Amino acid sequence: SDENLAEIKRHMGTQTIGFDKINQI
Protein backbone atom coordinates (compact mmCIF):
# COMPACT_ATOMS: atom_id res chain seq x y z
CA SER A 1 0.00 0.00 0.00
CA ASP A 2 1.00 3.67 -0.27
CA GLU A 3 1.46 3.90 3.51
CA ASN A 4 3.58 0.77 3.68
CA LEU A 5 5.72 1.93 0.75
CA ALA A 6 6.35 5.31 2.37
CA GLU A 7 7.51 3.52 5.53
CA ILE A 8 9.74 1.13 3.56
CA LYS A 9 11.33 3.88 1.45
CA ARG A 10 12.02 6.02 4.54
CA HIS A 11 14.29 3.33 5.95
CA MET A 12 15.54 1.96 2.62
CA GLY A 13 17.01 5.36 1.80
CA THR A 14 19.23 5.00 4.85
CA GLN A 15 19.99 1.32 4.31
CA THR A 16 21.18 1.37 0.69
CA ILE A 17 22.10 3.61 -2.23
CA GLY A 18 20.10 1.30 -4.46
CA PHE A 19 19.97 -2.10 -6.12
CA ASP A 20 21.44 -3.23 -9.44
CA LYS A 21 19.63 -1.06 -11.98
CA ILE A 22 21.64 -2.48 -14.89
CA ASN A 23 20.32 -5.96 -14.10
CA GLN A 24 16.82 -4.55 -13.84
CA ILE A 25 16.96 -2.89 -17.27
mmCIF file of all heavy atoms, coordinates in Angstrom:
data_MODEL
# 
_entry.id   MODEL 
# 
loop_
_atom_site.group_PDB 
_atom_site.id 
_atom_site.type_symbol 
_atom_site.label_atom_id 
_atom_site.label_alt_id 
_atom_site.label_comp_id 
_atom_site.label_asym_id 
_atom_site.label_entity_id 
_atom_site.label_seq_id 
_atom_site.pdbx_PDB_ins_code 
_atom_site.Cartn_x 
_atom_site.Cartn_y 
_atom_site.Cartn_z 
_atom_site.occupancy 
_atom_site.B_iso_or_equiv 
_atom_site.pdbx_formal_charge 
_atom_site.auth_seq_id 
_atom_site.auth_comp_id 
_atom_site.auth_asym_id 
_atom_site.auth_atom_id 
_atom_site.pdbx_PDB_model_num 
ATOM 1   N N   . SER A 1 1  ? 0.834  -1.201 0.000   1.00 0.00 ? 1  SER A N   1 
ATOM 2   C CA  . SER A 1 1  ? 0.000  0.000  0.000   1.00 0.00 ? 1  SER A CA  1 
ATOM 3   C C   . SER A 1 1  ? 0.874  1.258  0.000   1.00 0.00 ? 1  SER A C   1 
ATOM 4   O O   . SER A 1 1  ? 2.076  1.207  0.279   1.00 0.00 ? 1  SER A O   1 
ATOM 5   C CB  . SER A 1 1  ? -0.891 0.012  1.246   1.00 0.00 ? 1  SER A CB  1 
ATOM 6   O OG  . SER A 1 1  ? -0.083 0.154  2.417   1.00 0.00 ? 1  SER A OG  1 
ATOM 7   N N   . ASP A 1 2  ? 0.265  2.400  -0.271  1.00 0.00 ? 2  ASP A N   1 
ATOM 8   C CA  . ASP A 1 2  ? 1.001  3.667  -0.266  1.00 0.00 ? 2  ASP A CA  1 
ATOM 9   C C   . ASP A 1 2  ? 1.656  3.912  1.095   1.00 0.00 ? 2  ASP A C   1 
ATOM 10  O O   . ASP A 1 2  ? 2.816  4.346  1.169   1.00 0.00 ? 2  ASP A O   1 
ATOM 11  C CB  . ASP A 1 2  ? 0.063  4.825  -0.603  1.00 0.00 ? 2  ASP A CB  1 
ATOM 12  C CG  . ASP A 1 2  ? -0.438 4.789  -2.046  1.00 0.00 ? 2  ASP A CG  1 
ATOM 13  O OD1 . ASP A 1 2  ? 0.192  4.103  -2.873  1.00 0.00 ? 2  ASP A OD1 1 
ATOM 14  O OD2 . ASP A 1 2  ? -1.468 5.445  -2.327  1.00 0.00 ? 2  ASP A OD2 1 
ATOM 15  N N   . GLU A 1 3  ? 0.919  3.653  2.168   1.00 0.00 ? 3  GLU A N   1 
ATOM 16  C CA  . GLU A 1 3  ? 1.460  3.903  3.506   1.00 0.00 ? 3  GLU A CA  1 
ATOM 17  C C   . GLU A 1 3  ? 2.624  2.972  3.813   1.00 0.00 ? 3  GLU A C   1 
ATOM 18  O O   . GLU A 1 3  ? 3.648  3.394  4.381   1.00 0.00 ? 3  GLU A O   1 
ATOM 19  C CB  . GLU A 1 3  ? 0.361  3.729  4.558   1.00 0.00 ? 3  GLU A CB  1 
ATOM 20  C CG  . GLU A 1 3  ? -0.687 4.821  4.556   1.00 0.00 ? 3  GLU A CG  1 
ATOM 21  C CD  . GLU A 1 3  ? -1.717 4.598  5.654   1.00 0.00 ? 3  GLU A CD  1 
ATOM 22  O OE1 . GLU A 1 3  ? -1.396 4.818  6.834   1.00 0.00 ? 3  GLU A OE1 1 
ATOM 23  O OE2 . GLU A 1 3  ? -2.845 4.187  5.319   1.00 0.00 ? 3  GLU A OE2 1 
ATOM 24  N N   . ASN A 1 4  ? 2.479  1.714  3.466   1.00 0.00 ? 4  ASN A N   1 
ATOM 25  C CA  . ASN A 1 4  ? 3.584  0.773  3.680   1.00 0.00 ? 4  ASN A CA  1 
ATOM 26  C C   . ASN A 1 4  ? 4.810  1.180  2.867   1.00 0.00 ? 4  ASN A C   1 
ATOM 27  O O   . ASN A 1 4  ? 5.944  1.124  3.360   1.00 0.00 ? 4  ASN A O   1 
ATOM 28  C CB  . ASN A 1 4  ? 3.163  -0.646 3.291   1.00 0.00 ? 4  ASN A CB  1 
ATOM 29  C CG  . ASN A 1 4  ? 2.512  -1.398 4.431   1.00 0.00 ? 4  ASN A CG  1 
ATOM 30  O OD1 . ASN A 1 4  ? 2.885  -1.262 5.588   1.00 0.00 ? 4  ASN A OD1 1 
ATOM 31  N ND2 . ASN A 1 4  ? 1.524  -2.225 4.102   1.00 0.00 ? 4  ASN A ND2 1 
ATOM 32  N N   . LEU A 1 5  ? 4.590  1.564  1.598   1.00 0.00 ? 5  LEU A N   1 
ATOM 33  C CA  . LEU A 1 5  ? 5.720  1.928  0.750   1.00 0.00 ? 5  LEU A CA  1 
ATOM 34  C C   . LEU A 1 5  ? 6.446  3.152  1.286   1.00 0.00 ? 5  LEU A C   1 
ATOM 35  O O   . LEU A 1 5  ? 7.684  3.215  1.245   1.00 0.00 ? 5  LEU A O   1 
ATOM 36  C CB  . LEU A 1 5  ? 5.249  2.194  -0.678  1.00 0.00 ? 5  LEU A CB  1 
ATOM 37  C CG  . LEU A 1 5  ? 4.831  0.981  -1.502  1.00 0.00 ? 5  LEU A CG  1 
ATOM 38  C CD1 . LEU A 1 5  ? 4.472  1.406  -2.922  1.00 0.00 ? 5  LEU A CD1 1 
ATOM 39  C CD2 . LEU A 1 5  ? 5.931  -0.067 -1.554  1.00 0.00 ? 5  LEU A CD2 1 
ATOM 40  N N   . ALA A 1 6  ? 5.708  4.116  1.796   1.00 0.00 ? 6  ALA A N   1 
ATOM 41  C CA  . ALA A 1 6  ? 6.347  5.306  2.367   1.00 0.00 ? 6  ALA A CA  1 
ATOM 42  C C   . ALA A 1 6  ? 7.234  4.917  3.550   1.00 0.00 ? 6  ALA A C   1 
ATOM 43  O O   . ALA A 1 6  ? 8.352  5.429  3.706   1.00 0.00 ? 6  ALA A O   1 
ATOM 44  C CB  . ALA A 1 6  ? 5.281  6.315  2.801   1.00 0.00 ? 6  ALA A CB  1 
ATOM 45  N N   . GLU A 1 7  ? 6.733  3.994  4.372   1.00 0.00 ? 7  GLU A N   1 
ATOM 46  C CA  . GLU A 1 7  ? 7.507  3.523  5.525   1.00 0.00 ? 7  GLU A CA  1 
ATOM 47  C C   . GLU A 1 7  ? 8.759  2.770  5.064   1.00 0.00 ? 7  GLU A C   1 
ATOM 48  O O   . GLU A 1 7  ? 9.858  2.970  5.587   1.00 0.00 ? 7  GLU A O   1 
ATOM 49  C CB  . GLU A 1 7  ? 6.636  2.606  6.382   1.00 0.00 ? 7  GLU A CB  1 
ATOM 50  C CG  . GLU A 1 7  ? 7.303  2.035  7.622   1.00 0.00 ? 7  GLU A CG  1 
ATOM 51  C CD  . GLU A 1 7  ? 7.423  3.043  8.745   1.00 0.00 ? 7  GLU A CD  1 
ATOM 52  O OE1 . GLU A 1 7  ? 6.764  4.112  8.685   1.00 0.00 ? 7  GLU A OE1 1 
ATOM 53  O OE2 . GLU A 1 7  ? 8.192  2.782  9.688   1.00 0.00 ? 7  GLU A OE2 1 
ATOM 54  N N   . ILE A 1 8  ? 8.600  1.899  4.067   1.00 0.00 ? 8  ILE A N   1 
ATOM 55  C CA  . ILE A 1 8  ? 9.738  1.127  3.560   1.00 0.00 ? 8  ILE A CA  1 
ATOM 56  C C   . ILE A 1 8  ? 10.800 2.052  2.967   1.00 0.00 ? 8  ILE A C   1 
ATOM 57  O O   . ILE A 1 8  ? 11.994 1.938  3.269   1.00 0.00 ? 8  ILE A O   1 
ATOM 58  C CB  . ILE A 1 8  ? 9.265  0.113  2.494   1.00 0.00 ? 8  ILE A CB  1 
ATOM 59  C CG1 . ILE A 1 8  ? 8.391  -0.956 3.130   1.00 0.00 ? 8  ILE A CG1 1 
ATOM 60  C CG2 . ILE A 1 8  ? 10.461 -0.536 1.795   1.00 0.00 ? 8  ILE A CG2 1 
ATOM 61  C CD1 . ILE A 1 8  ? 7.675  -1.852 2.116   1.00 0.00 ? 8  ILE A CD1 1 
ATOM 62  N N   . LYS A 1 9  ? 10.381 2.997  2.137   1.00 0.00 ? 9  LYS A N   1 
ATOM 63  C CA  . LYS A 1 9  ? 11.334 3.875  1.454   1.00 0.00 ? 9  LYS A CA  1 
ATOM 64  C C   . LYS A 1 9  ? 12.079 4.765  2.448   1.00 0.00 ? 9  LYS A C   1 
ATOM 65  O O   . LYS A 1 9  ? 13.257 5.090  2.244   1.00 0.00 ? 9  LYS A O   1 
ATOM 66  C CB  . LYS A 1 9  ? 10.606 4.732  0.423   1.00 0.00 ? 9  LYS A CB  1 
ATOM 67  C CG  . LYS A 1 9  ? 10.100 3.948  -0.786  1.00 0.00 ? 9  LYS A CG  1 
ATOM 68  C CD  . LYS A 1 9  ? 9.324  4.857  -1.734  1.00 0.00 ? 9  LYS A CD  1 
ATOM 69  C CE  . LYS A 1 9  ? 8.689  4.076  -2.867  1.00 0.00 ? 9  LYS A CE  1 
ATOM 70  N NZ  . LYS A 1 9  ? 7.905  4.941  -3.777  1.00 0.00 ? 9  LYS A NZ  1 
ATOM 71  N N   . ARG A 1 10 ? 11.384 5.163  3.530   1.00 0.00 ? 10 ARG A N   1 
ATOM 72  C CA  . ARG A 1 10 ? 12.022 6.021  4.537   1.00 0.00 ? 10 ARG A CA  1 
ATOM 73  C C   . ARG A 1 10 ? 13.262 5.347  5.116   1.00 0.00 ? 10 ARG A C   1 
ATOM 74  O O   . ARG A 1 10 ? 14.305 5.977  5.308   1.00 0.00 ? 10 ARG A O   1 
ATOM 75  C CB  . ARG A 1 10 ? 11.014 6.344  5.631   1.00 0.00 ? 10 ARG A CB  1 
ATOM 76  C CG  . ARG A 1 10 ? 11.530 7.306  6.695   1.00 0.00 ? 10 ARG A CG  1 
ATOM 77  C CD  . ARG A 1 10 ? 10.372 7.882  7.484   1.00 0.00 ? 10 ARG A CD  1 
ATOM 78  N NE  . ARG A 1 10 ? 9.671  6.881  8.268   1.00 0.00 ? 10 ARG A NE  1 
ATOM 79  C CZ  . ARG A 1 10 ? 10.001 6.557  9.524   1.00 0.00 ? 10 ARG A CZ  1 
ATOM 80  N NH1 . ARG A 1 10 ? 11.042 7.133  10.095  1.00 0.00 ? 10 ARG A NH1 1 
ATOM 81  N NH2 . ARG A 1 10 ? 9.301  5.667  10.184  1.00 0.00 ? 10 ARG A NH2 1 
ATOM 82  N N   . HIS A 1 11 ? 13.152 4.051  5.377   1.00 0.00 ? 11 HIS A N   1 
ATOM 83  C CA  . HIS A 1 11 ? 14.293 3.326  5.948   1.00 0.00 ? 11 HIS A CA  1 
ATOM 84  C C   . HIS A 1 11 ? 15.237 2.819  4.864   1.00 0.00 ? 11 HIS A C   1 
ATOM 85  O O   . HIS A 1 11 ? 16.457 2.749  5.073   1.00 0.00 ? 11 HIS A O   1 
ATOM 86  C CB  . HIS A 1 11 ? 13.781 2.167  6.797   1.00 0.00 ? 11 HIS A CB  1 
ATOM 87  C CG  . HIS A 1 11 ? 12.943 2.600  7.954   1.00 0.00 ? 11 HIS A CG  1 
ATOM 88  N ND1 . HIS A 1 11 ? 13.443 3.352  9.000   1.00 0.00 ? 11 HIS A ND1 1 
ATOM 89  C CD2 . HIS A 1 11 ? 11.623 2.409  8.229   1.00 0.00 ? 11 HIS A CD2 1 
ATOM 90  C CE1 . HIS A 1 11 ? 12.482 3.596  9.873   1.00 0.00 ? 11 HIS A CE1 1 
ATOM 91  N NE2 . HIS A 1 11 ? 11.368 3.033  9.427   1.00 0.00 ? 11 HIS A NE2 1 
ATOM 92  N N   . MET A 1 12 ? 14.695 2.469  3.701   1.00 0.00 ? 12 MET A N   1 
ATOM 93  C CA  . MET A 1 12 ? 15.536 1.963  2.623   1.00 0.00 ? 12 MET A CA  1 
ATOM 94  C C   . MET A 1 12 ? 16.531 3.016  2.162   1.00 0.00 ? 12 MET A C   1 
ATOM 95  O O   . MET A 1 12 ? 17.670 2.705  1.788   1.00 0.00 ? 12 MET A O   1 
ATOM 96  C CB  . MET A 1 12 ? 14.659 1.506  1.454   1.00 0.00 ? 12 MET A CB  1 
ATOM 97  C CG  . MET A 1 12 ? 15.418 0.806  0.342   1.00 0.00 ? 12 MET A CG  1 
ATOM 98  S SD  . MET A 1 12 ? 14.319 0.226  -0.975  1.00 0.00 ? 12 MET A SD  1 
ATOM 99  C CE  . MET A 1 12 ? 13.646 -1.238 -0.204  1.00 0.00 ? 12 MET A CE  1 
ATOM 100 N N   . GLY A 1 13 ? 16.115 4.276  2.198   1.00 0.00 ? 13 GLY A N   1 
ATOM 101 C CA  . GLY A 1 13 ? 17.011 5.359  1.801   1.00 0.00 ? 13 GLY A CA  1 
ATOM 102 C C   . GLY A 1 13 ? 18.217 5.491  2.707   1.00 0.00 ? 13 GLY A C   1 
ATOM 103 O O   . GLY A 1 13 ? 19.257 6.027  2.293   1.00 0.00 ? 13 GLY A O   1 
ATOM 104 N N   . THR A 1 14 ? 18.092 5.019  3.927   1.00 0.00 ? 14 THR A N   1 
ATOM 105 C CA  . THR A 1 14 ? 19.226 4.997  4.848   1.00 0.00 ? 14 THR A CA  1 
ATOM 106 C C   . THR A 1 14 ? 20.045 3.717  4.681   1.00 0.00 ? 14 THR A C   1 
ATOM 107 O O   . THR A 1 14 ? 21.268 3.722  4.808   1.00 0.00 ? 14 THR A O   1 
ATOM 108 C CB  . THR A 1 14 ? 18.722 5.082  6.306   1.00 0.00 ? 14 THR A CB  1 
ATOM 109 O OG1 . THR A 1 14 ? 17.927 6.255  6.461   1.00 0.00 ? 14 THR A OG1 1 
ATOM 110 C CG2 . THR A 1 14 ? 19.885 5.122  7.285   1.00 0.00 ? 14 THR A CG2 1 
ATOM 111 N N   . GLN A 1 15 ? 19.358 2.642  4.370   1.00 0.00 ? 15 GLN A N   1 
ATOM 112 C CA  . GLN A 1 15 ? 19.989 1.319  4.310   1.00 0.00 ? 15 GLN A CA  1 
ATOM 113 C C   . GLN A 1 15 ? 20.882 1.147  3.096   1.00 0.00 ? 15 GLN A C   1 
ATOM 114 O O   . GLN A 1 15 ? 21.937 0.513  3.166   1.00 0.00 ? 15 GLN A O   1 
ATOM 115 C CB  . GLN A 1 15 ? 18.899 0.238  4.291   1.00 0.00 ? 15 GLN A CB  1 
ATOM 116 C CG  . GLN A 1 15 ? 19.410 -1.184 4.219   1.00 0.00 ? 15 GLN A CG  1 
ATOM 117 C CD  . GLN A 1 15 ? 18.285 -2.178 3.967   1.00 0.00 ? 15 GLN A CD  1 
ATOM 118 O OE1 . GLN A 1 15 ? 17.331 -1.882 3.255   1.00 0.00 ? 15 GLN A OE1 1 
ATOM 119 N NE2 . GLN A 1 15 ? 18.388 -3.346 4.562   1.00 0.00 ? 15 GLN A NE2 1 
ATOM 120 N N   . THR A 1 16 ? 20.472 1.678  1.931   1.00 0.00 ? 16 THR A N   1 
ATOM 121 C CA  . THR A 1 16 ? 21.181 1.374  0.689   1.00 0.00 ? 16 THR A CA  1 
ATOM 122 C C   . THR A 1 16 ? 21.133 2.558  -0.264  1.00 0.00 ? 16 THR A C   1 
ATOM 123 O O   . THR A 1 16 ? 20.218 3.391  -0.204  1.00 0.00 ? 16 THR A O   1 
ATOM 124 C CB  . THR A 1 16 ? 20.566 0.138  0.001   1.00 0.00 ? 16 THR A CB  1 
ATOM 125 O OG1 . THR A 1 16 ? 21.272 -0.128 -1.219  1.00 0.00 ? 16 THR A OG1 1 
ATOM 126 C CG2 . THR A 1 16 ? 19.098 0.350  -0.322  1.00 0.00 ? 16 THR A CG2 1 
ATOM 127 N N   . ILE A 1 17 ? 22.128 2.599  -1.164  1.00 0.00 ? 17 ILE A N   1 
ATOM 128 C CA  . ILE A 1 17 ? 22.098 3.606  -2.229  1.00 0.00 ? 17 ILE A CA  1 
ATOM 129 C C   . ILE A 1 17 ? 21.351 3.084  -3.441  1.00 0.00 ? 17 ILE A C   1 
ATOM 130 O O   . ILE A 1 17 ? 21.210 3.789  -4.445  1.00 0.00 ? 17 ILE A O   1 
ATOM 131 C CB  . ILE A 1 17 ? 23.523 4.018  -2.640  1.00 0.00 ? 17 ILE A CB  1 
ATOM 132 C CG1 . ILE A 1 17 ? 24.338 2.785  -3.067  1.00 0.00 ? 17 ILE A CG1 1 
ATOM 133 C CG2 . ILE A 1 17 ? 24.214 4.769  -1.519  1.00 0.00 ? 17 ILE A CG2 1 
ATOM 134 C CD1 . ILE A 1 17 ? 25.684 3.124  -3.668  1.00 0.00 ? 17 ILE A CD1 1 
ATOM 135 N N   . GLY A 1 18 ? 20.901 1.842  -3.379  1.00 0.00 ? 18 GLY A N   1 
ATOM 136 C CA  . GLY A 1 18 ? 20.101 1.299  -4.464  1.00 0.00 ? 18 GLY A CA  1 
ATOM 137 C C   . GLY A 1 18 ? 20.558 -0.074 -4.888  1.00 0.00 ? 18 GLY A C   1 
ATOM 138 O O   . GLY A 1 18 ? 21.659 -0.526 -4.565  1.00 0.00 ? 18 GLY A O   1 
ATOM 139 N N   . PHE A 1 19 ? 19.680 -0.766 -5.616  1.00 0.00 ? 19 PHE A N   1 
ATOM 140 C CA  . PHE A 1 19 ? 19.968 -2.102 -6.120  1.00 0.00 ? 19 PHE A CA  1 
ATOM 141 C C   . PHE A 1 19 ? 20.551 -2.013 -7.535  1.00 0.00 ? 19 PHE A C   1 
ATOM 142 O O   . PHE A 1 19 ? 20.769 -0.925 -8.058  1.00 0.00 ? 19 PHE A O   1 
ATOM 143 C CB  . PHE A 1 19 ? 18.698 -2.950 -6.075  1.00 0.00 ? 19 PHE A CB  1 
ATOM 144 C CG  . PHE A 1 19 ? 18.176 -3.175 -4.687  1.00 0.00 ? 19 PHE A CG  1 
ATOM 145 C CD1 . PHE A 1 19 ? 17.129 -2.400 -4.171  1.00 0.00 ? 19 PHE A CD1 1 
ATOM 146 C CD2 . PHE A 1 19 ? 18.728 -4.144 -3.875  1.00 0.00 ? 19 PHE A CD2 1 
ATOM 147 C CE1 . PHE A 1 19 ? 16.652 -2.606 -2.888  1.00 0.00 ? 19 PHE A CE1 1 
ATOM 148 C CE2 . PHE A 1 19 ? 18.259 -4.362 -2.588  1.00 0.00 ? 19 PHE A CE2 1 
ATOM 149 C CZ  . PHE A 1 19 ? 17.217 -3.590 -2.090  1.00 0.00 ? 19 PHE A CZ  1 
ATOM 150 N N   . ASP A 1 20 ? 20.775 -3.161 -8.144  1.00 0.00 ? 20 ASP A N   1 
ATOM 151 C CA  . ASP A 1 20 ? 21.445 -3.229 -9.441  1.00 0.00 ? 20 ASP A CA  1 
ATOM 152 C C   . ASP A 1 20 ? 20.483 -2.828 -10.554 1.00 0.00 ? 20 ASP A C   1 
ATOM 153 O O   . ASP A 1 20 ? 19.711 -3.644 -11.065 1.00 0.00 ? 20 ASP A O   1 
ATOM 154 C CB  . ASP A 1 20 ? 21.958 -4.660 -9.652  1.00 0.00 ? 20 ASP A CB  1 
ATOM 155 C CG  . ASP A 1 20 ? 22.795 -4.816 -10.900 1.00 0.00 ? 20 ASP A CG  1 
ATOM 156 O OD1 . ASP A 1 20 ? 22.761 -3.916 -11.759 1.00 0.00 ? 20 ASP A OD1 1 
ATOM 157 O OD2 . ASP A 1 20 ? 23.470 -5.860 -11.035 1.00 0.00 ? 20 ASP A OD2 1 
ATOM 158 N N   . LYS A 1 21 ? 20.547 -1.565 -10.954 1.00 0.00 ? 21 LYS A N   1 
ATOM 159 C CA  . LYS A 1 21 ? 19.630 -1.059 -11.980 1.00 0.00 ? 21 LYS A CA  1 
ATOM 160 C C   . LYS A 1 21 ? 19.984 -1.596 -13.365 1.00 0.00 ? 21 LYS A C   1 
ATOM 161 O O   . LYS A 1 21 ? 19.104 -1.729 -14.220 1.00 0.00 ? 21 LYS A O   1 
ATOM 162 C CB  . LYS A 1 21 ? 19.637 0.471  -11.976 1.00 0.00 ? 21 LYS A CB  1 
ATOM 163 C CG  . LYS A 1 21 ? 19.131 1.079  -10.681 1.00 0.00 ? 21 LYS A CG  1 
ATOM 164 C CD  . LYS A 1 21 ? 19.005 2.582  -10.764 1.00 0.00 ? 21 LYS A CD  1 
ATOM 165 C CE  . LYS A 1 21 ? 20.355 3.264  -10.802 1.00 0.00 ? 21 LYS A CE  1 
ATOM 166 N NZ  . LYS A 1 21 ? 21.126 3.103  -9.537  1.00 0.00 ? 21 LYS A NZ  1 
ATOM 167 N N   . ILE A 1 22 ? 21.247 -1.919 -13.601 1.00 0.00 ? 22 ILE A N   1 
ATOM 168 C CA  . ILE A 1 22 ? 21.644 -2.482 -14.893 1.00 0.00 ? 22 ILE A CA  1 
ATOM 169 C C   . ILE A 1 22 ? 21.005 -3.860 -15.074 1.00 0.00 ? 22 ILE A C   1 
ATOM 170 O O   . ILE A 1 22 ? 20.528 -4.198 -16.159 1.00 0.00 ? 22 ILE A O   1 
ATOM 171 C CB  . ILE A 1 22 ? 23.173 -2.569 -15.006 1.00 0.00 ? 22 ILE A CB  1 
ATOM 172 C CG1 . ILE A 1 22 ? 23.802 -1.183 -14.932 1.00 0.00 ? 22 ILE A CG1 1 
ATOM 173 C CG2 . ILE A 1 22 ? 23.582 -3.277 -16.301 1.00 0.00 ? 22 ILE A CG2 1 
ATOM 174 C CD1 . ILE A 1 22 ? 23.322 -0.221 -15.998 1.00 0.00 ? 22 ILE A CD1 1 
ATOM 175 N N   . ASN A 1 23 ? 20.978 -4.653 -14.016 1.00 0.00 ? 23 ASN A N   1 
ATOM 176 C CA  . ASN A 1 23 ? 20.321 -5.958 -14.103 1.00 0.00 ? 23 ASN A CA  1 
ATOM 177 C C   . ASN A 1 23 ? 18.818 -5.804 -14.300 1.00 0.00 ? 23 ASN A C   1 
ATOM 178 O O   . ASN A 1 23 ? 18.194 -6.580 -15.025 1.00 0.00 ? 23 ASN A O   1 
ATOM 179 C CB  . ASN A 1 23 ? 20.606 -6.783 -12.854 1.00 0.00 ? 23 ASN A CB  1 
ATOM 180 C CG  . ASN A 1 23 ? 20.259 -8.248 -13.038 1.00 0.00 ? 23 ASN A CG  1 
ATOM 181 O OD1 . ASN A 1 23 ? 20.428 -8.804 -14.124 1.00 0.00 ? 23 ASN A OD1 1 
ATOM 182 N ND2 . ASN A 1 23 ? 19.754 -8.873 -11.995 1.00 0.00 ? 23 ASN A ND2 1 
ATOM 183 N N   . GLN A 1 24 ? 18.249 -4.795 -13.667 1.00 0.00 ? 24 GLN A N   1 
ATOM 184 C CA  . GLN A 1 24 ? 16.820 -4.549 -13.840 1.00 0.00 ? 24 GLN A CA  1 
ATOM 185 C C   . GLN A 1 24 ? 16.501 -4.201 -15.293 1.00 0.00 ? 24 GLN A C   1 
ATOM 186 O O   . GLN A 1 24 ? 15.587 -4.787 -15.894 1.00 0.00 ? 24 GLN A O   1 
ATOM 187 C CB  . GLN A 1 24 ? 16.371 -3.414 -12.915 1.00 0.00 ? 24 GLN A CB  1 
ATOM 188 C CG  . GLN A 1 24 ? 16.412 -3.773 -11.436 1.00 0.00 ? 24 GLN A CG  1 
ATOM 189 C CD  . GLN A 1 24 ? 16.057 -2.599 -10.534 1.00 0.00 ? 24 GLN A CD  1 
ATOM 190 O OE1 . GLN A 1 24 ? 15.462 -1.608 -10.991 1.00 0.00 ? 24 GLN A OE1 1 
ATOM 191 N NE2 . GLN A 1 24 ? 16.413 -2.700 -9.259  1.00 0.00 ? 24 GLN A NE2 1 
ATOM 192 N N   . ILE A 1 25 ? 17.264 -3.294 -15.894 1.00 0.00 ? 25 ILE A N   1 
ATOM 193 C CA  . ILE A 1 25 ? 16.962 -2.890 -17.275 1.00 0.00 ? 25 ILE A CA  1 
ATOM 194 C C   . ILE A 1 25 ? 17.316 -4.007 -18.251 1.00 0.00 ? 25 ILE A C   1 
ATOM 195 O O   . ILE A 1 25 ? 16.695 -4.151 -19.307 1.00 0.00 ? 25 ILE A O   1 
ATOM 196 C CB  . ILE A 1 25 ? 17.688 -1.573 -17.656 1.00 0.00 ? 25 ILE A CB  1 
ATOM 197 C CG1 . ILE A 1 25 ? 17.092 -0.977 -18.933 1.00 0.00 ? 25 ILE A CG1 1 
ATOM 198 C CG2 . ILE A 1 25 ? 19.175 -1.769 -17.797 1.00 0.00 ? 25 ILE A CG2 1 
ATOM 199 C CD1 . ILE A 1 25 ? 15.629 -0.604 -18.839 1.00 0.00 ? 25 ILE A CD1 1 
# 
